[in-house]
Amino acid sequence: MEVLTNVATAEDGITKVSDRQNLQICPLSYHHLLFAALSFHSEIRDVLTQLIDGDVYKMLDQIFYKPEYIGVRTNWHQDNYYFRMPSPFSGTAMWIALHDATIQNGTIRVIPKALILF
């Protein structure tokens, strides 16, 4: 069974490529109890309940591995496209970098609610 899936695409965000890699394991929690339990840690849940009004649910866990020299970024996207939550303001993402994360090598970016135009 193949564990890592190459989800790298061309700049159009659709066309699959094989010469560059953005390797993904999804869902991650099936592979180790630590990953299944991490989002339920008391300190993490405390922060989430401060950010989100209402119940907290885990929607997804995954890992991306971007090999040196051939690894590529994850294209811009909105997570709610996949989750289809009635109110996108009732959700958040949690991201843990295993290496130093900078704007140049691709950190998560959040657009404040005040800047979203309807």
PDB file of N, CA and C in Angstrom:
ATOM      1  N   MET A   1       0.838  -1.193   0.000  1.00  0.00           N
ATOM      2  CA  MET A   1       0.000   0.000   0.000  1.00  0.00           C
ATOM      3  C   MET A   1       0.878   1.250   0.000  1.00  0.00           C
ATOM      4  N   GLU A   2       0.594   2.150  -0.882  1.00  0.00           N
ATOM      5  CA  GLU A   2       1.319   3.411  -0.971  1.00  0.00           C
ATOM      6  C   GLU A   2       0.808   4.352   0.123  1.00  0.00           C
ATOM      7  N   VAL A   3       1.709   4.846   0.971  1.00  0.00           N
ATOM      8  CA  VAL A   3       1.303   5.722   2.067  1.00  0.00           C
ATOM      9  C   VAL A   3       1.352   7.181   1.631  1.00  0.00           C
ATOM     10  N   LEU A   4       2.424   7.567   0.944  1.00  0.00           N
ATOM     11  CA  LEU A   4       2.578   8.951   0.489  1.00  0.00           C
ATOM     12  C   LEU A   4       1.995   9.121  -0.906  1.00  0.00           C
ATOM     13  N   THR A   5       1.168  10.148  -1.079  1.00  0.00           N
ATOM     14  CA  THR A   5       0.576  10.461  -2.373  1.00  0.00           C
ATOM     15  C   THR A   5       1.138  11.794  -2.846  1.00  0.00           C
ATOM     16  N   ASN A   6       1.616  11.852  -4.081  1.00  0.00           N
ATOM     17  CA  ASN A   6       2.111  13.112  -4.625  1.00  0.00           C
ATOM     18  C   ASN A   6       0.923  13.956  -5.079  1.00  0.00           C
ATOM     19  N   VAL A   7       0.687  15.065  -4.398  1.00  0.00           N
ATOM     20  CA  VAL A   7      -0.435  15.939  -4.732  1.00  0.00           C
ATOM     21  C   VAL A   7       0.045  17.231  -5.402  1.00  0.00           C
ATOM     22  N   ALA A   8       1.283  17.242  -5.894  1.00  0.00           N
ATOM     23  CA  ALA A   8       1.833  18.421  -6.569  1.00  0.00           C
ATOM     24  C   ALA A   8       1.094  18.677  -7.872  1.00  0.00           C
ATOM     25  N   THR A   9       0.849  19.946  -8.152  1.00  0.00           N
ATOM     26  CA  THR A   9       0.197  20.345  -9.394  1.00  0.00           C
ATOM     27  C   THR A   9       0.991  21.449 -10.069  1.00  0.00           C
ATOM     28  N   ALA A  10       0.688  21.649 -11.335  1.00  0.00           N
ATOM     29  CA  ALA A  10       1.252  22.776 -12.078  1.00  0.00           C
ATOM     30  C   ALA A  10       0.659  24.069 -11.518  1.00  0.00           C
ATOM     31  N   GLU A  11       1.097  25.187 -12.011  1.00  0.00           N
ATOM     32  CA  GLU A  11       0.638  26.486 -11.506  1.00  0.00           C
ATOM     33  C   GLU A  11      -0.874  26.681 -11.613  1.00  0.00           C
ATOM     34  N   ASP A  12      -1.528  25.912 -12.469  1.00  0.00           N
ATOM     35  CA  ASP A  12      -2.985  26.045 -12.582  1.00  0.00           C
ATOM     36  C   ASP A  12      -3.718  25.422 -11.396  1.00  0.00           C
ATOM     37  N   GLY A  13      -2.973  24.683 -10.541  1.00  0.00           N
ATOM     38  CA  GLY A  13      -3.566  24.068  -9.371  1.00  0.00           C
ATOM     39  C   GLY A  13      -4.372  22.814  -9.673  1.00  0.00           C
ATOM     40  N   ILE A  14      -4.374  22.370 -10.924  1.00  0.00           N
ATOM     41  CA  ILE A  14      -5.190  21.218 -11.324  1.00  0.00           C
ATOM     42  C   ILE A  14      -4.340  20.106 -11.946  1.00  0.00           C
ATOM     43  N   THR A  15      -3.491  20.477 -12.896  1.00  0.00           N
ATOM     44  CA  THR A  15      -2.708  19.503 -13.648  1.00  0.00           C
ATOM     45  C   THR A  15      -1.659  18.837 -12.764  1.00  0.00           C
ATOM     46  N   LYS A  16      -1.734  17.507 -12.630  1.00  0.00           N
ATOM     47  CA  LYS A  16      -0.779  16.751 -11.827  1.00  0.00           C
ATOM     48  C   LYS A  16       0.596  16.766 -12.487  1.00  0.00           C
ATOM     49  N   VAL A  17       1.647  16.832 -11.663  1.00  0.00           N
ATOM     50  CA  VAL A  17       3.021  16.796 -12.160  1.00  0.00           C
ATOM     51  C   VAL A  17       3.775  15.691 -11.433  1.00  0.00           C
ATOM     52  N   SER A  18       4.814  15.166 -12.076  1.00  0.00           N
ATOM     53  CA  SER A  18       5.600  14.105 -11.446  1.00  0.00           C
ATOM     54  C   SER A  18       7.041  14.531 -11.190  1.00  0.00           C
ATOM     55  N   ASP A  19       7.484  15.628 -11.803  1.00  0.00           N
ATOM     56  CA  ASP A  19       8.869  16.057 -11.630  1.00  0.00           C
ATOM     57  C   ASP A  19       9.081  16.851 -10.341  1.00  0.00           C
ATOM     58  N   ARG A  20       8.000  17.286  -9.706  1.00  0.00           N
ATOM     59  CA  ARG A  20       8.056  17.984  -8.424  1.00  0.00           C
ATOM     60  C   ARG A  20       7.168  17.225  -7.448  1.00  0.00           C
ATOM     61  N   GLN A  21       7.434  17.399  -6.153  1.00  0.00           N
ATOM     62  CA  GLN A  21       6.674  16.616  -5.190  1.00  0.00           C
ATOM     63  C   GLN A  21       6.124  17.452  -4.038  1.00  0.00           C
ATOM     64  N   ASN A  22       4.906  17.175  -3.685  1.00  0.00           N
ATOM     65  CA  ASN A  22       4.248  17.657  -2.479  1.00  0.00           C
ATOM     66  C   ASN A  22       3.542  16.410  -1.956  1.00  0.00           C
ATOM     67  N   LEU A  23       4.251  15.661  -1.109  1.00  0.00           N
ATOM     68  CA  LEU A  23       3.779  14.351  -0.677  1.00  0.00           C
ATOM     69  C   LEU A  23       2.849  14.486   0.527  1.00  0.00           C
ATOM     70  N   GLN A  24       1.750  13.767   0.494  1.00  0.00           N
ATOM     71  CA  GLN A  24       0.720  13.895   1.511  1.00  0.00           C
ATOM     72  C   GLN A  24       0.342  12.522   2.070  1.00  0.00           C
ATOM     73  N   ILE A  25       0.097  12.489   3.383  1.00  0.00           N
ATOM     74  CA  ILE A  25      -0.563  11.355   4.027  1.00  0.00           C
ATOM     75  C   ILE A  25      -1.854  11.911   4.605  1.00  0.00           C
ATOM     76  N   CYS A  26      -2.972  11.365   4.182  1.00  0.00           N
ATOM     77  CA  CYS A  26      -4.272  11.862   4.629  1.00  0.00           C
ATOM     78  C   CYS A  26      -5.284  10.730   4.576  1.00  0.00           C
ATOM     79  N   PRO A  27      -5.918  10.385   5.663  1.00  0.00           N
ATOM     80  CA  PRO A  27      -5.777  10.971   6.993  1.00  0.00           C
ATOM     81  C   PRO A  27      -4.532  10.429   7.700  1.00  0.00           C
ATOM     82  N   LEU A  28      -3.977  11.229   8.548  1.00  0.00           N
ATOM     83  CA  LEU A  28      -2.752  10.889   9.266  1.00  0.00           C
ATOM     84  C   LEU A  28      -3.035  10.052  10.510  1.00  0.00           C
ATOM     85  N   SER A  29      -4.163  10.278  11.148  1.00  0.00           N
ATOM     86  CA  SER A  29      -4.445   9.641  12.437  1.00  0.00           C
ATOM     87  C   SER A  29      -4.508   8.115  12.357  1.00  0.00           C
ATOM     88  N   TYR A  30      -4.715   7.545  11.179  1.00  0.00           N
ATOM     89  CA  TYR A  30      -4.740   6.089  11.039  1.00  0.00           C
ATOM     90  C   TYR A  30      -3.351   5.466  11.221  1.00  0.00           C
ATOM     91  N   HIS A  31      -2.309   6.286  11.133  1.00  0.00           N
ATOM     92  CA  HIS A  31      -0.954   5.752  11.108  1.00  0.00           C
ATOM     93  C   HIS A  31      -0.267   5.734  12.468  1.00  0.00           C
ATOM     94  N   HIS A  32      -0.773   6.487  13.444  1.00  0.00           N
ATOM     95  CA  HIS A  32      -0.159   6.465  14.773  1.00  0.00           C
ATOM     96  C   HIS A  32      -1.116   7.107  15.764  1.00  0.00           C
ATOM     97  N   LEU A  33      -1.193   6.526  16.952  1.00  0.00           N
ATOM     98  CA  LEU A  33      -2.080   7.025  17.996  1.00  0.00           C
ATOM     99  C   LEU A  33      -1.776   8.479  18.362  1.00  0.00           C
ATOM    100  N   LEU A  34      -0.505   8.884  18.321  1.00  0.00           N
ATOM    101  CA  LEU A  34      -0.145  10.274  18.635  1.00  0.00           C
ATOM    102  C   LEU A  34      -0.900  11.252  17.742  1.00  0.00           C
ATOM    103  N   PHE A  35      -0.956  10.968  16.459  1.00  0.00           N
ATOM    104  CA  PHE A  35      -1.641  11.873  15.535  1.00  0.00           C
ATOM    105  C   PHE A  35      -3.148  11.878  15.773  1.00  0.00           C
ATOM    106  N   ALA A  36      -3.682  10.745  16.176  1.00  0.00           N
ATOM    107  CA  ALA A  36      -5.113  10.671  16.480  1.00  0.00           C
ATOM    108  C   ALA A  36      -5.444  11.485  17.724  1.00  0.00           C
ATOM    109  N   ALA A  37      -4.531  11.523  18.683  1.00  0.00           N
ATOM    110  CA  ALA A  37      -4.797  12.173  19.976  1.00  0.00           C
ATOM    111  C   ALA A  37      -4.386  13.647  20.027  1.00  0.00           C
ATOM    112  N   LEU A  38      -3.481  14.081  19.169  1.00  0.00           N
ATOM    113  CA  LEU A  38      -2.889  15.419  19.276  1.00  0.00           C
ATOM    114  C   LEU A  38      -3.914  16.545  19.352  1.00  0.00           C
ATOM    115  N   SER A  39      -4.886  16.547  18.481  1.00  0.00           N
ATOM    116  CA  SER A  39      -5.839  17.661  18.470  1.00  0.00           C
ATOM    117  C   SER A  39      -6.784  17.637  19.670  1.00  0.00           C
ATOM    118  N   PHE A  40      -6.755  16.564  20.445  1.00  0.00           N
ATOM    119  CA  PHE A  40      -7.603  16.474  21.636  1.00  0.00           C
ATOM    120  C   PHE A  40      -6.846  16.800  22.926  1.00  0.00           C
ATOM    121  N   HIS A  41      -5.576  17.190  22.803  1.00  0.00           N
ATOM    122  CA  HIS A  41      -4.777  17.565  23.974  1.00  0.00           C
ATOM    123  C   HIS A  41      -5.447  18.748  24.667  1.00  0.00           C
ATOM    124  N   SER A  42      -5.456  18.751  25.985  1.00  0.00           N
ATOM    125  CA  SER A  42      -6.195  19.768  26.742  1.00  0.00           C
ATOM    126  C   SER A  42      -5.764  21.192  26.412  1.00  0.00           C
ATOM    127  N   GLU A  43      -4.472  21.440  26.233  1.00  0.00           N
ATOM    128  CA  GLU A  43      -4.016  22.804  25.919  1.00  0.00           C
ATOM    129  C   GLU A  43      -4.488  23.244  24.532  1.00  0.00           C
ATOM    130  N   ILE A  44      -4.486  22.339  23.588  1.00  0.00           N
ATOM    131  CA  ILE A  44      -4.956  22.667  22.241  1.00  0.00           C
ATOM    132  C   ILE A  44      -6.456  22.924  22.265  1.00  0.00           C
ATOM    133  N   ARG A  45      -7.208  22.080  22.938  1.00  0.00           N
ATOM    134  CA  ARG A  45      -8.666  22.282  23.034  1.00  0.00           C
ATOM    135  C   ARG A  45      -8.994  23.594  23.749  1.00  0.00           C
ATOM    136  N   ASP A  46      -8.212  23.967  24.770  1.00  0.00           N
ATOM    137  CA  ASP A  46      -8.442  25.233  25.473  1.00  0.00           C
ATOM    138  C   ASP A  46      -8.317  26.419  24.513  1.00  0.00           C
ATOM    139  N   VAL A  47      -7.285  26.407  23.695  1.00  0.00           N
ATOM    140  CA  VAL A  47      -7.095  27.492  22.730  1.00  0.00           C
ATOM    141  C   VAL A  47      -8.222  27.495  21.700  1.00  0.00           C
ATOM    142  N   LEU A  48      -8.578  26.324  21.187  1.00  0.00           N
ATOM    143  CA  LEU A  48      -9.634  26.252  20.184  1.00  0.00           C
ATOM    144  C   LEU A  48     -10.969  26.753  20.711  1.00  0.00           C
ATOM    145  N   THR A  49     -11.294  26.417  21.943  1.00  0.00           N
ATOM    146  CA  THR A  49     -12.577  26.877  22.489  1.00  0.00           C
ATOM    147  C   THR A  49     -12.583  28.382  22.728  1.00  0.00           C
ATOM    148  N   GLN A  50     -11.410  28.995  22.826  1.00  0.00           N
ATOM    149  CA  GLN A  50     -11.343  30.460  22.906  1.00  0.00           C
ATOM    150  C   GLN A  50     -11.541  31.089  21.526  1.00  0.00           C
ATOM    151  N   LEU A  51     -11.110  30.387  20.484  1.00  0.00           N
ATOM    152  CA  LEU A  51     -11.201  30.919  19.125  1.00  0.00           C
ATOM    153  C   LEU A  51     -12.564  30.676  18.476  1.00  0.00           C
ATOM    154  N   ILE A  52     -13.190  29.570  18.836  1.00  0.00           N
ATOM    155  CA  ILE A  52     -14.425  29.156  18.174  1.00  0.00           C
ATOM    156  C   ILE A  52     -15.567  29.179  19.177  1.00  0.00           C
ATOM    157  N   ASP A  53     -16.635  29.807  18.788  1.00  0.00           N
ATOM    158  CA  ASP A  53     -17.826  29.857  19.631  1.00  0.00           C
ATOM    159  C   ASP A  53     -18.658  28.611  19.349  1.00  0.00           C
ATOM    160  N   GLY A  54     -18.775  27.738  20.319  1.00  0.00           N
ATOM    161  CA  GLY A  54     -19.544  26.515  20.122  1.00  0.00           C
ATOM    162  C   GLY A  54     -18.682  25.284  20.255  1.00  0.00           C
ATOM    163  N   ASP A  55     -19.218  24.160  19.822  1.00  0.00           N
ATOM    164  CA  ASP A  55     -18.517  22.883  19.931  1.00  0.00           C
ATOM    165  C   ASP A  55     -17.325  22.827  18.989  1.00  0.00           C
ATOM    166  N   VAL A  56     -16.306  22.061  19.386  1.00  0.00           N
ATOM    167  CA  VAL A  56     -15.097  21.879  18.586  1.00  0.00           C
ATOM    168  C   VAL A  56     -15.089  20.453  18.050  1.00  0.00           C
ATOM    169  N   TYR A  57     -14.900  20.324  16.740  1.00  0.00           N
ATOM    170  CA  TYR A  57     -14.844  19.025  16.084  1.00  0.00           C
ATOM    171  C   TYR A  57     -13.568  18.941  15.262  1.00  0.00           C
ATOM    172  N   LYS A  58     -12.995  17.769  15.190  1.00  0.00           N
ATOM    173  CA  LYS A  58     -11.840  17.532  14.328  1.00  0.00           C
ATOM    174  C   LYS A  58     -12.356  17.103  12.967  1.00  0.00           C
ATOM    175  N   MET A  59     -11.957  17.809  11.919  1.00  0.00           N
ATOM    176  CA  MET A  59     -12.427  17.503  10.572  1.00  0.00           C
ATOM    177  C   MET A  59     -11.424  16.649   9.785  1.00  0.00           C
ATOM    178  N   LEU A  60     -10.127  16.896   9.983  1.00  0.00           N
ATOM    179  CA  LEU A  60      -9.128  16.278   9.120  1.00  0.00           C
ATOM    180  C   LEU A  60      -7.759  16.372   9.768  1.00  0.00           C
ATOM    181  N   ASP A  61      -6.916  15.407   9.518  1.00  0.00           N
ATOM    182  CA  ASP A  61      -5.499  15.528   9.852  1.00  0.00           C
ATOM    183  C   ASP A  61      -4.699  14.972   8.680  1.00  0.00           C
ATOM    184  N   GLN A  62      -3.569  15.601   8.440  1.00  0.00           N
ATOM    185  CA  GLN A  62      -2.746  15.221   7.303  1.00  0.00           C
ATOM    186  C   GLN A  62      -1.326  15.715   7.526  1.00  0.00           C
ATOM    187  N   ILE A  63      -0.421  15.202   6.724  1.00  0.00           N
ATOM    188  CA  ILE A  63       0.953  15.675   6.760  1.00  0.00           C
ATOM    189  C   ILE A  63       1.410  15.891   5.323  1.00  0.00           C
ATOM    190  N   PHE A  64       2.208  16.925   5.130  1.00  0.00           N
ATOM    191  CA  PHE A  64       2.832  17.170   3.836  1.00  0.00           C
ATOM    192  C   PHE A  64       4.342  17.041   4.009  1.00  0.00           C
ATOM    193  N   TYR A  65       4.955  16.329   3.116  1.00  0.00           N
ATOM    194  CA  TYR A  65       6.405  16.191   3.073  1.00  0.00           C
ATOM    195  C   TYR A  65       6.850  16.727   1.718  1.00  0.00           C
ATOM    196  N   LYS A  66       7.714  17.738   1.761  1.00  0.00           N
ATOM    197  CA  LYS A  66       8.169  18.386   0.536  1.00  0.00           C
ATOM    198  C   LYS A  66       9.683  18.185   0.437  1.00  0.00           C
ATOM    199  N   PRO A  67      10.113  17.165  -0.310  1.00  0.00           N
ATOM    200  CA  PRO A  67      11.532  16.817  -0.367  1.00  0.00           C
ATOM    201  C   PRO A  67      12.402  17.984  -0.865  1.00  0.00           C
ATOM    202  N   GLU A  68      13.595  18.054  -0.285  1.00  0.00           N
ATOM    203  CA  GLU A  68      14.536  19.112  -0.658  1.00  0.00           C
ATOM    204  C   GLU A  68      14.798  19.098  -2.168  1.00  0.00           C
ATOM    205  N   TYR A  69      14.822  20.284  -2.759  1.00  0.00           N
ATOM    206  CA  TYR A  69      15.090  20.544  -4.183  1.00  0.00           C
ATOM    207  C   TYR A  69      13.922  20.237  -5.120  1.00  0.00           C
ATOM    208  N   ILE A  70      13.086  19.256  -4.812  1.00  0.00           N
ATOM    209  CA  ILE A  70      11.973  18.953  -5.714  1.00  0.00           C
ATOM    210  C   ILE A  70      10.614  19.174  -5.046  1.00  0.00           C
ATOM    211  N   GLY A  71      10.624  19.505  -3.771  1.00  0.00           N
ATOM    212  CA  GLY A  71       9.376  19.763  -3.070  1.00  0.00           C
ATOM    213  C   GLY A  71       8.781  21.100  -3.481  1.00  0.00           C
ATOM    214  N   VAL A  72       7.461  21.150  -3.576  1.00  0.00           N
ATOM    215  CA  VAL A  72       6.787  22.387  -3.987  1.00  0.00           C
ATOM    216  C   VAL A  72       5.711  22.755  -2.971  1.00  0.00           C
ATOM    217  N   ARG A  73       5.273  23.959  -3.071  1.00  0.00           N
ATOM    218  CA  ARG A  73       4.302  24.508  -2.134  1.00  0.00           C
ATOM    219  C   ARG A  73       2.915  23.924  -2.373  1.00  0.00           C
ATOM    220  N   THR A  74       2.081  24.121  -1.376  1.00  0.00           N
ATOM    221  CA  THR A  74       0.661  23.833  -1.528  1.00  0.00           C
ATOM    222  C   THR A  74       0.034  25.105  -2.076  1.00  0.00           C
ATOM    223  N   ASN A  75      -0.705  24.997  -3.158  1.00  0.00           N
ATOM    224  CA  ASN A  75      -1.295  26.180  -3.774  1.00  0.00           C
ATOM    225  C   ASN A  75      -2.307  26.847  -2.843  1.00  0.00           C
ATOM    226  N   TRP A  76      -2.533  28.153  -3.055  1.00  0.00           N
ATOM    227  CA  TRP A  76      -3.529  28.891  -2.297  1.00  0.00           C
ATOM    228  C   TRP A  76      -4.863  28.162  -2.399  1.00  0.00           C
ATOM    229  N   HIS A  77      -5.551  28.083  -1.285  1.00  0.00           N
ATOM    230  CA  HIS A  77      -6.867  27.452  -1.264  1.00  0.00           C
ATOM    231  C   HIS A  77      -7.600  27.886  -0.005  1.00  0.00           C
ATOM    232  N   GLN A  78      -8.865  27.634   0.031  1.00  0.00           N
ATOM    233  CA  GLN A  78      -9.684  27.883   1.212  1.00  0.00           C
ATOM    234  C   GLN A  78     -10.131  26.530   1.740  1.00  0.00           C
ATOM    235  N   ASP A  79      -9.803  26.249   2.986  1.00  0.00           N
ATOM    236  CA  ASP A  79     -10.147  24.944   3.559  1.00  0.00           C
ATOM    237  C   ASP A  79     -11.643  24.675   3.541  1.00  0.00           C
ATOM    238  N   ASN A  80     -12.450  25.695   3.678  1.00  0.00           N
ATOM    239  CA  ASN A  80     -13.890  25.469   3.742  1.00  0.00           C
ATOM    240  C   ASN A  80     -14.455  24.948   2.415  1.00  0.00           C
ATOM    241  N   TYR A  81     -13.726  25.063   1.338  1.00  0.00           N
ATOM    242  CA  TYR A  81     -14.146  24.474   0.071  1.00  0.00           C
ATOM    243  C   TYR A  81     -14.335  22.963   0.253  1.00  0.00           C
ATOM    244  N   TYR A  82     -13.451  22.352   1.048  1.00  0.00           N
ATOM    245  CA  TYR A  82     -13.512  20.906   1.270  1.00  0.00           C
ATOM    246  C   TYR A  82     -14.504  20.524   2.362  1.00  0.00           C
ATOM    247  N   PHE A  83     -14.636  21.367   3.382  1.00  0.00           N
ATOM    248  CA  PHE A  83     -15.432  21.011   4.555  1.00  0.00           C
ATOM    249  C   PHE A  83     -16.887  21.449   4.457  1.00  0.00           C
ATOM    250  N   ARG A  84     -17.158  22.482   3.672  1.00  0.00           N
ATOM    251  CA  ARG A  84     -18.528  22.968   3.462  1.00  0.00           C
ATOM    252  C   ARG A  84     -19.265  23.282   4.772  1.00  0.00           C
ATOM    253  N   MET A  85     -18.567  23.974   5.674  1.00  0.00           N
ATOM    254  CA  MET A  85     -19.193  24.383   6.926  1.00  0.00           C
ATOM    255  C   MET A  85     -20.164  25.520   6.646  1.00  0.00           C
ATOM    256  N   PRO A  86     -21.348  25.513   7.281  1.00  0.00           N
ATOM    257  CA  PRO A  86     -22.327  26.577   7.029  1.00  0.00           C
ATOM    258  C   PRO A  86     -21.765  27.977   7.294  1.00  0.00           C
ATOM    259  N   SER A  87     -20.943  28.103   8.321  1.00  0.00           N
ATOM    260  CA  SER A  87     -20.290  29.379   8.609  1.00  0.00           C
ATOM    261  C   SER A  87     -18.787  29.160   8.634  1.00  0.00           C
ATOM    262  N   PRO A  88     -18.072  29.652   7.628  1.00  0.00           N
ATOM    263  CA  PRO A  88     -16.620  29.445   7.611  1.00  0.00           C
ATOM    264  C   PRO A  88     -15.911  30.115   8.784  1.00  0.00           C
ATOM    265  N   PHE A  89     -16.603  31.012   9.489  1.00  0.00           N
ATOM    266  CA  PHE A  89     -15.997  31.675  10.635  1.00  0.00           C
ATOM    267  C   PHE A  89     -16.062  30.821  11.892  1.00  0.00           C
ATOM    268  N   SER A  90     -16.657  29.650  11.793  1.00  0.00           N
ATOM    269  CA  SER A  90     -16.743  28.765  12.949  1.00  0.00           C
ATOM    270  C   SER A  90     -15.666  27.683  12.909  1.00  0.00           C
ATOM    271  N   GLY A  91     -14.674  27.848  12.043  1.00  0.00           N
ATOM    272  CA  GLY A  91     -13.612  26.854  11.921  1.00  0.00           C
ATOM    273  C   GLY A  91     -12.243  27.494  11.931  1.00  0.00           C
ATOM    274  N   THR A  92     -11.242  26.680  12.164  1.00  0.00           N
ATOM    275  CA  THR A  92      -9.863  27.151  12.140  1.00  0.00           C
ATOM    276  C   THR A  92      -8.964  26.003  11.699  1.00  0.00           C
ATOM    277  N   ALA A  93      -7.743  26.326  11.365  1.00  0.00           N
ATOM    278  CA  ALA A  93      -6.747  25.317  11.014  1.00  0.00           C
ATOM    279  C   ALA A  93      -5.652  25.331  12.066  1.00  0.00           C
ATOM    280  N   MET A  94      -5.085  24.173  12.313  1.00  0.00           N
ATOM    281  CA  MET A  94      -3.933  24.071  13.206  1.00  0.00           C
ATOM    282  C   MET A  94      -2.796  23.522  12.373  1.00  0.00           C
ATOM    283  N   TRP A  95      -1.658  24.148  12.471  1.00  0.00           N
ATOM    284  CA  TRP A  95      -0.533  23.779  11.625  1.00  0.00           C
ATOM    285  C   TRP A  95       0.711  23.681  12.481  1.00  0.00           C
ATOM    286  N   ILE A  96       1.433  22.591  12.381  1.00  0.00           N
ATOM    287  CA  ILE A  96       2.672  22.400  13.137  1.00  0.00           C
ATOM    288  C   ILE A  96       3.793  22.184  12.130  1.00  0.00           C
ATOM    289  N   ALA A  97       4.758  23.085  12.123  1.00  0.00           N
ATOM    290  CA  ALA A  97       5.898  22.967  11.210  1.00  0.00           C
ATOM    291  C   ALA A  97       6.985  22.122  11.860  1.00  0.00           C
ATOM    292  N   LEU A  98       7.547  21.202  11.103  1.00  0.00           N
ATOM    293  CA  LEU A  98       8.624  20.366  11.609  1.00  0.00           C
ATOM    294  C   LEU A  98       9.991  20.996  11.370  1.00  0.00           C
ATOM    295  N   HIS A  99      10.037  21.990  10.506  1.00  0.00           N
ATOM    296  CA  HIS A  99      11.251  22.752  10.216  1.00  0.00           C
ATOM    297  C   HIS A  99      10.916  24.226  10.355  1.00  0.00           C
ATOM    298  N   ASP A 100      11.937  25.084  10.385  1.00  0.00           N
ATOM    299  CA  ASP A 100      11.685  26.518  10.464  1.00  0.00           C
ATOM    300  C   ASP A 100      10.737  26.935   9.354  1.00  0.00           C
ATOM    301  N   ALA A 101       9.729  27.702   9.711  1.00  0.00           N
ATOM    302  CA  ALA A 101       8.737  28.175   8.738  1.00  0.00           C
ATOM    303  C   ALA A 101       8.899  29.680   8.564  1.00  0.00           C
ATOM    304  N   THR A 102       9.039  30.087   7.325  1.00  0.00           N
ATOM    305  CA  THR A 102       9.171  31.506   7.002  1.00  0.00           C
ATOM    306  C   THR A 102       8.196  31.840   5.876  1.00  0.00           C
ATOM    307  N   ILE A 103       7.987  33.110   5.641  1.00  0.00           N
ATOM    308  CA  ILE A 103       7.132  33.518   4.525  1.00  0.00           C
ATOM    309  C   ILE A 103       7.720  32.985   3.215  1.00  0.00           C
ATOM    310  N   GLN A 104       9.051  32.983   3.103  1.00  0.00           N
ATOM    311  CA  GLN A 104       9.697  32.538   1.880  1.00  0.00           C
ATOM    312  C   GLN A 104       9.488  31.044   1.614  1.00  0.00           C
ATOM    313  N   ASN A 105       9.449  30.218   2.665  1.00  0.00           N
ATOM    314  CA  ASN A 105       9.296  28.786   2.401  1.00  0.00           C
ATOM    315  C   ASN A 105       7.875  28.279   2.652  1.00  0.00           C
ATOM    316  N   GLY A 106       6.952  29.171   2.944  1.00  0.00           N
ATOM    317  CA  GLY A 106       5.551  28.791   2.933  1.00  0.00           C
ATOM    318  C   GLY A 106       4.858  28.578   4.250  1.00  0.00           C
ATOM    319  N   THR A 107       4.554  29.628   4.941  1.00  0.00           N
ATOM    320  CA  THR A 107       3.768  29.509   6.161  1.00  0.00           C
ATOM    321  C   THR A 107       2.277  29.565   5.824  1.00  0.00           C
ATOM    322  N   ILE A 108       1.459  29.172   6.790  1.00  0.00           N
ATOM    323  CA  ILE A 108       0.019  29.316   6.616  1.00  0.00           C
ATOM    324  C   ILE A 108      -0.309  30.800   6.709  1.00  0.00           C
ATOM    325  N   ARG A 109      -1.255  31.258   5.938  1.00  0.00           N
ATOM    326  CA  ARG A 109      -1.661  32.670   5.968  1.00  0.00           C
ATOM    327  C   ARG A 109      -3.141  32.757   6.283  1.00  0.00           C
ATOM    328  N   VAL A 110      -3.473  33.722   7.102  1.00  0.00           N
ATOM    329  CA  VAL A 110      -4.852  33.926   7.514  1.00  0.00           C
ATOM    330  C   VAL A 110      -5.279  35.311   7.083  1.00  0.00           C
ATOM    331  N   ILE A 111      -6.437  35.398   6.463  1.00  0.00           N
ATOM    332  CA  ILE A 111      -7.013  36.695   6.094  1.00  0.00           C
ATOM    333  C   ILE A 111      -7.998  37.060   7.196  1.00  0.00           C
ATOM    334  N   PRO A 112      -7.731  38.154   7.907  1.00  0.00           N
ATOM    335  CA  PRO A 112      -8.645  38.533   9.004  1.00  0.00           C
ATOM    336  C   PRO A 112     -10.065  38.737   8.497  1.00  0.00           C
ATOM    337  N   LYS A 113     -11.027  38.376   9.326  1.00  0.00           N
ATOM    338  CA  LYS A 113     -12.438  38.502   8.980  1.00  0.00           C
ATOM    339  C   LYS A 113     -12.782  39.911   8.499  1.00  0.00           C
ATOM    340  N   ALA A 114     -12.153  40.919   9.093  1.00  0.00           N
ATOM    341  CA  ALA A 114     -12.434  42.305   8.733  1.00  0.00           C
ATOM    342  C   ALA A 114     -12.073  42.623   7.275  1.00  0.00           C
ATOM    343  N   LEU A 115     -11.161  41.827   6.672  1.00  0.00           N
ATOM    344  CA  LEU A 115     -10.735  42.092   5.299  1.00  0.00           C
ATOM    345  C   LEU A 115     -11.502  41.304   4.248  1.00  0.00           C
ATOM    346  N   ILE A 116     -12.390  40.425   4.678  1.00  0.00           N
ATOM    347  CA  ILE A 116     -13.134  39.594   3.741  1.00  0.00           C
ATOM    348  C   ILE A 116     -14.322  40.391   3.211  1.00  0.00           C
ATOM    349  N   LEU A 117     -14.432  40.447   1.903  1.00  0.00           N
ATOM    350  CA  LEU A 117     -15.513  41.174   1.264  1.00  0.00           C
ATOM    351  C   LEU A 117     -16.594  40.190   0.819  1.00  0.00           C
ATOM    352  N   PHE A 118     -17.826  40.539   1.059  1.00  0.00           N
ATOM    353  CA  PHE A 118     -18.934  39.660   0.637  1.00  0.00           C
ATOM    354  C   PHE A 118     -19.642  40.252  -0.550  1.00  0.00           C
TER     355      PHE A 118
END
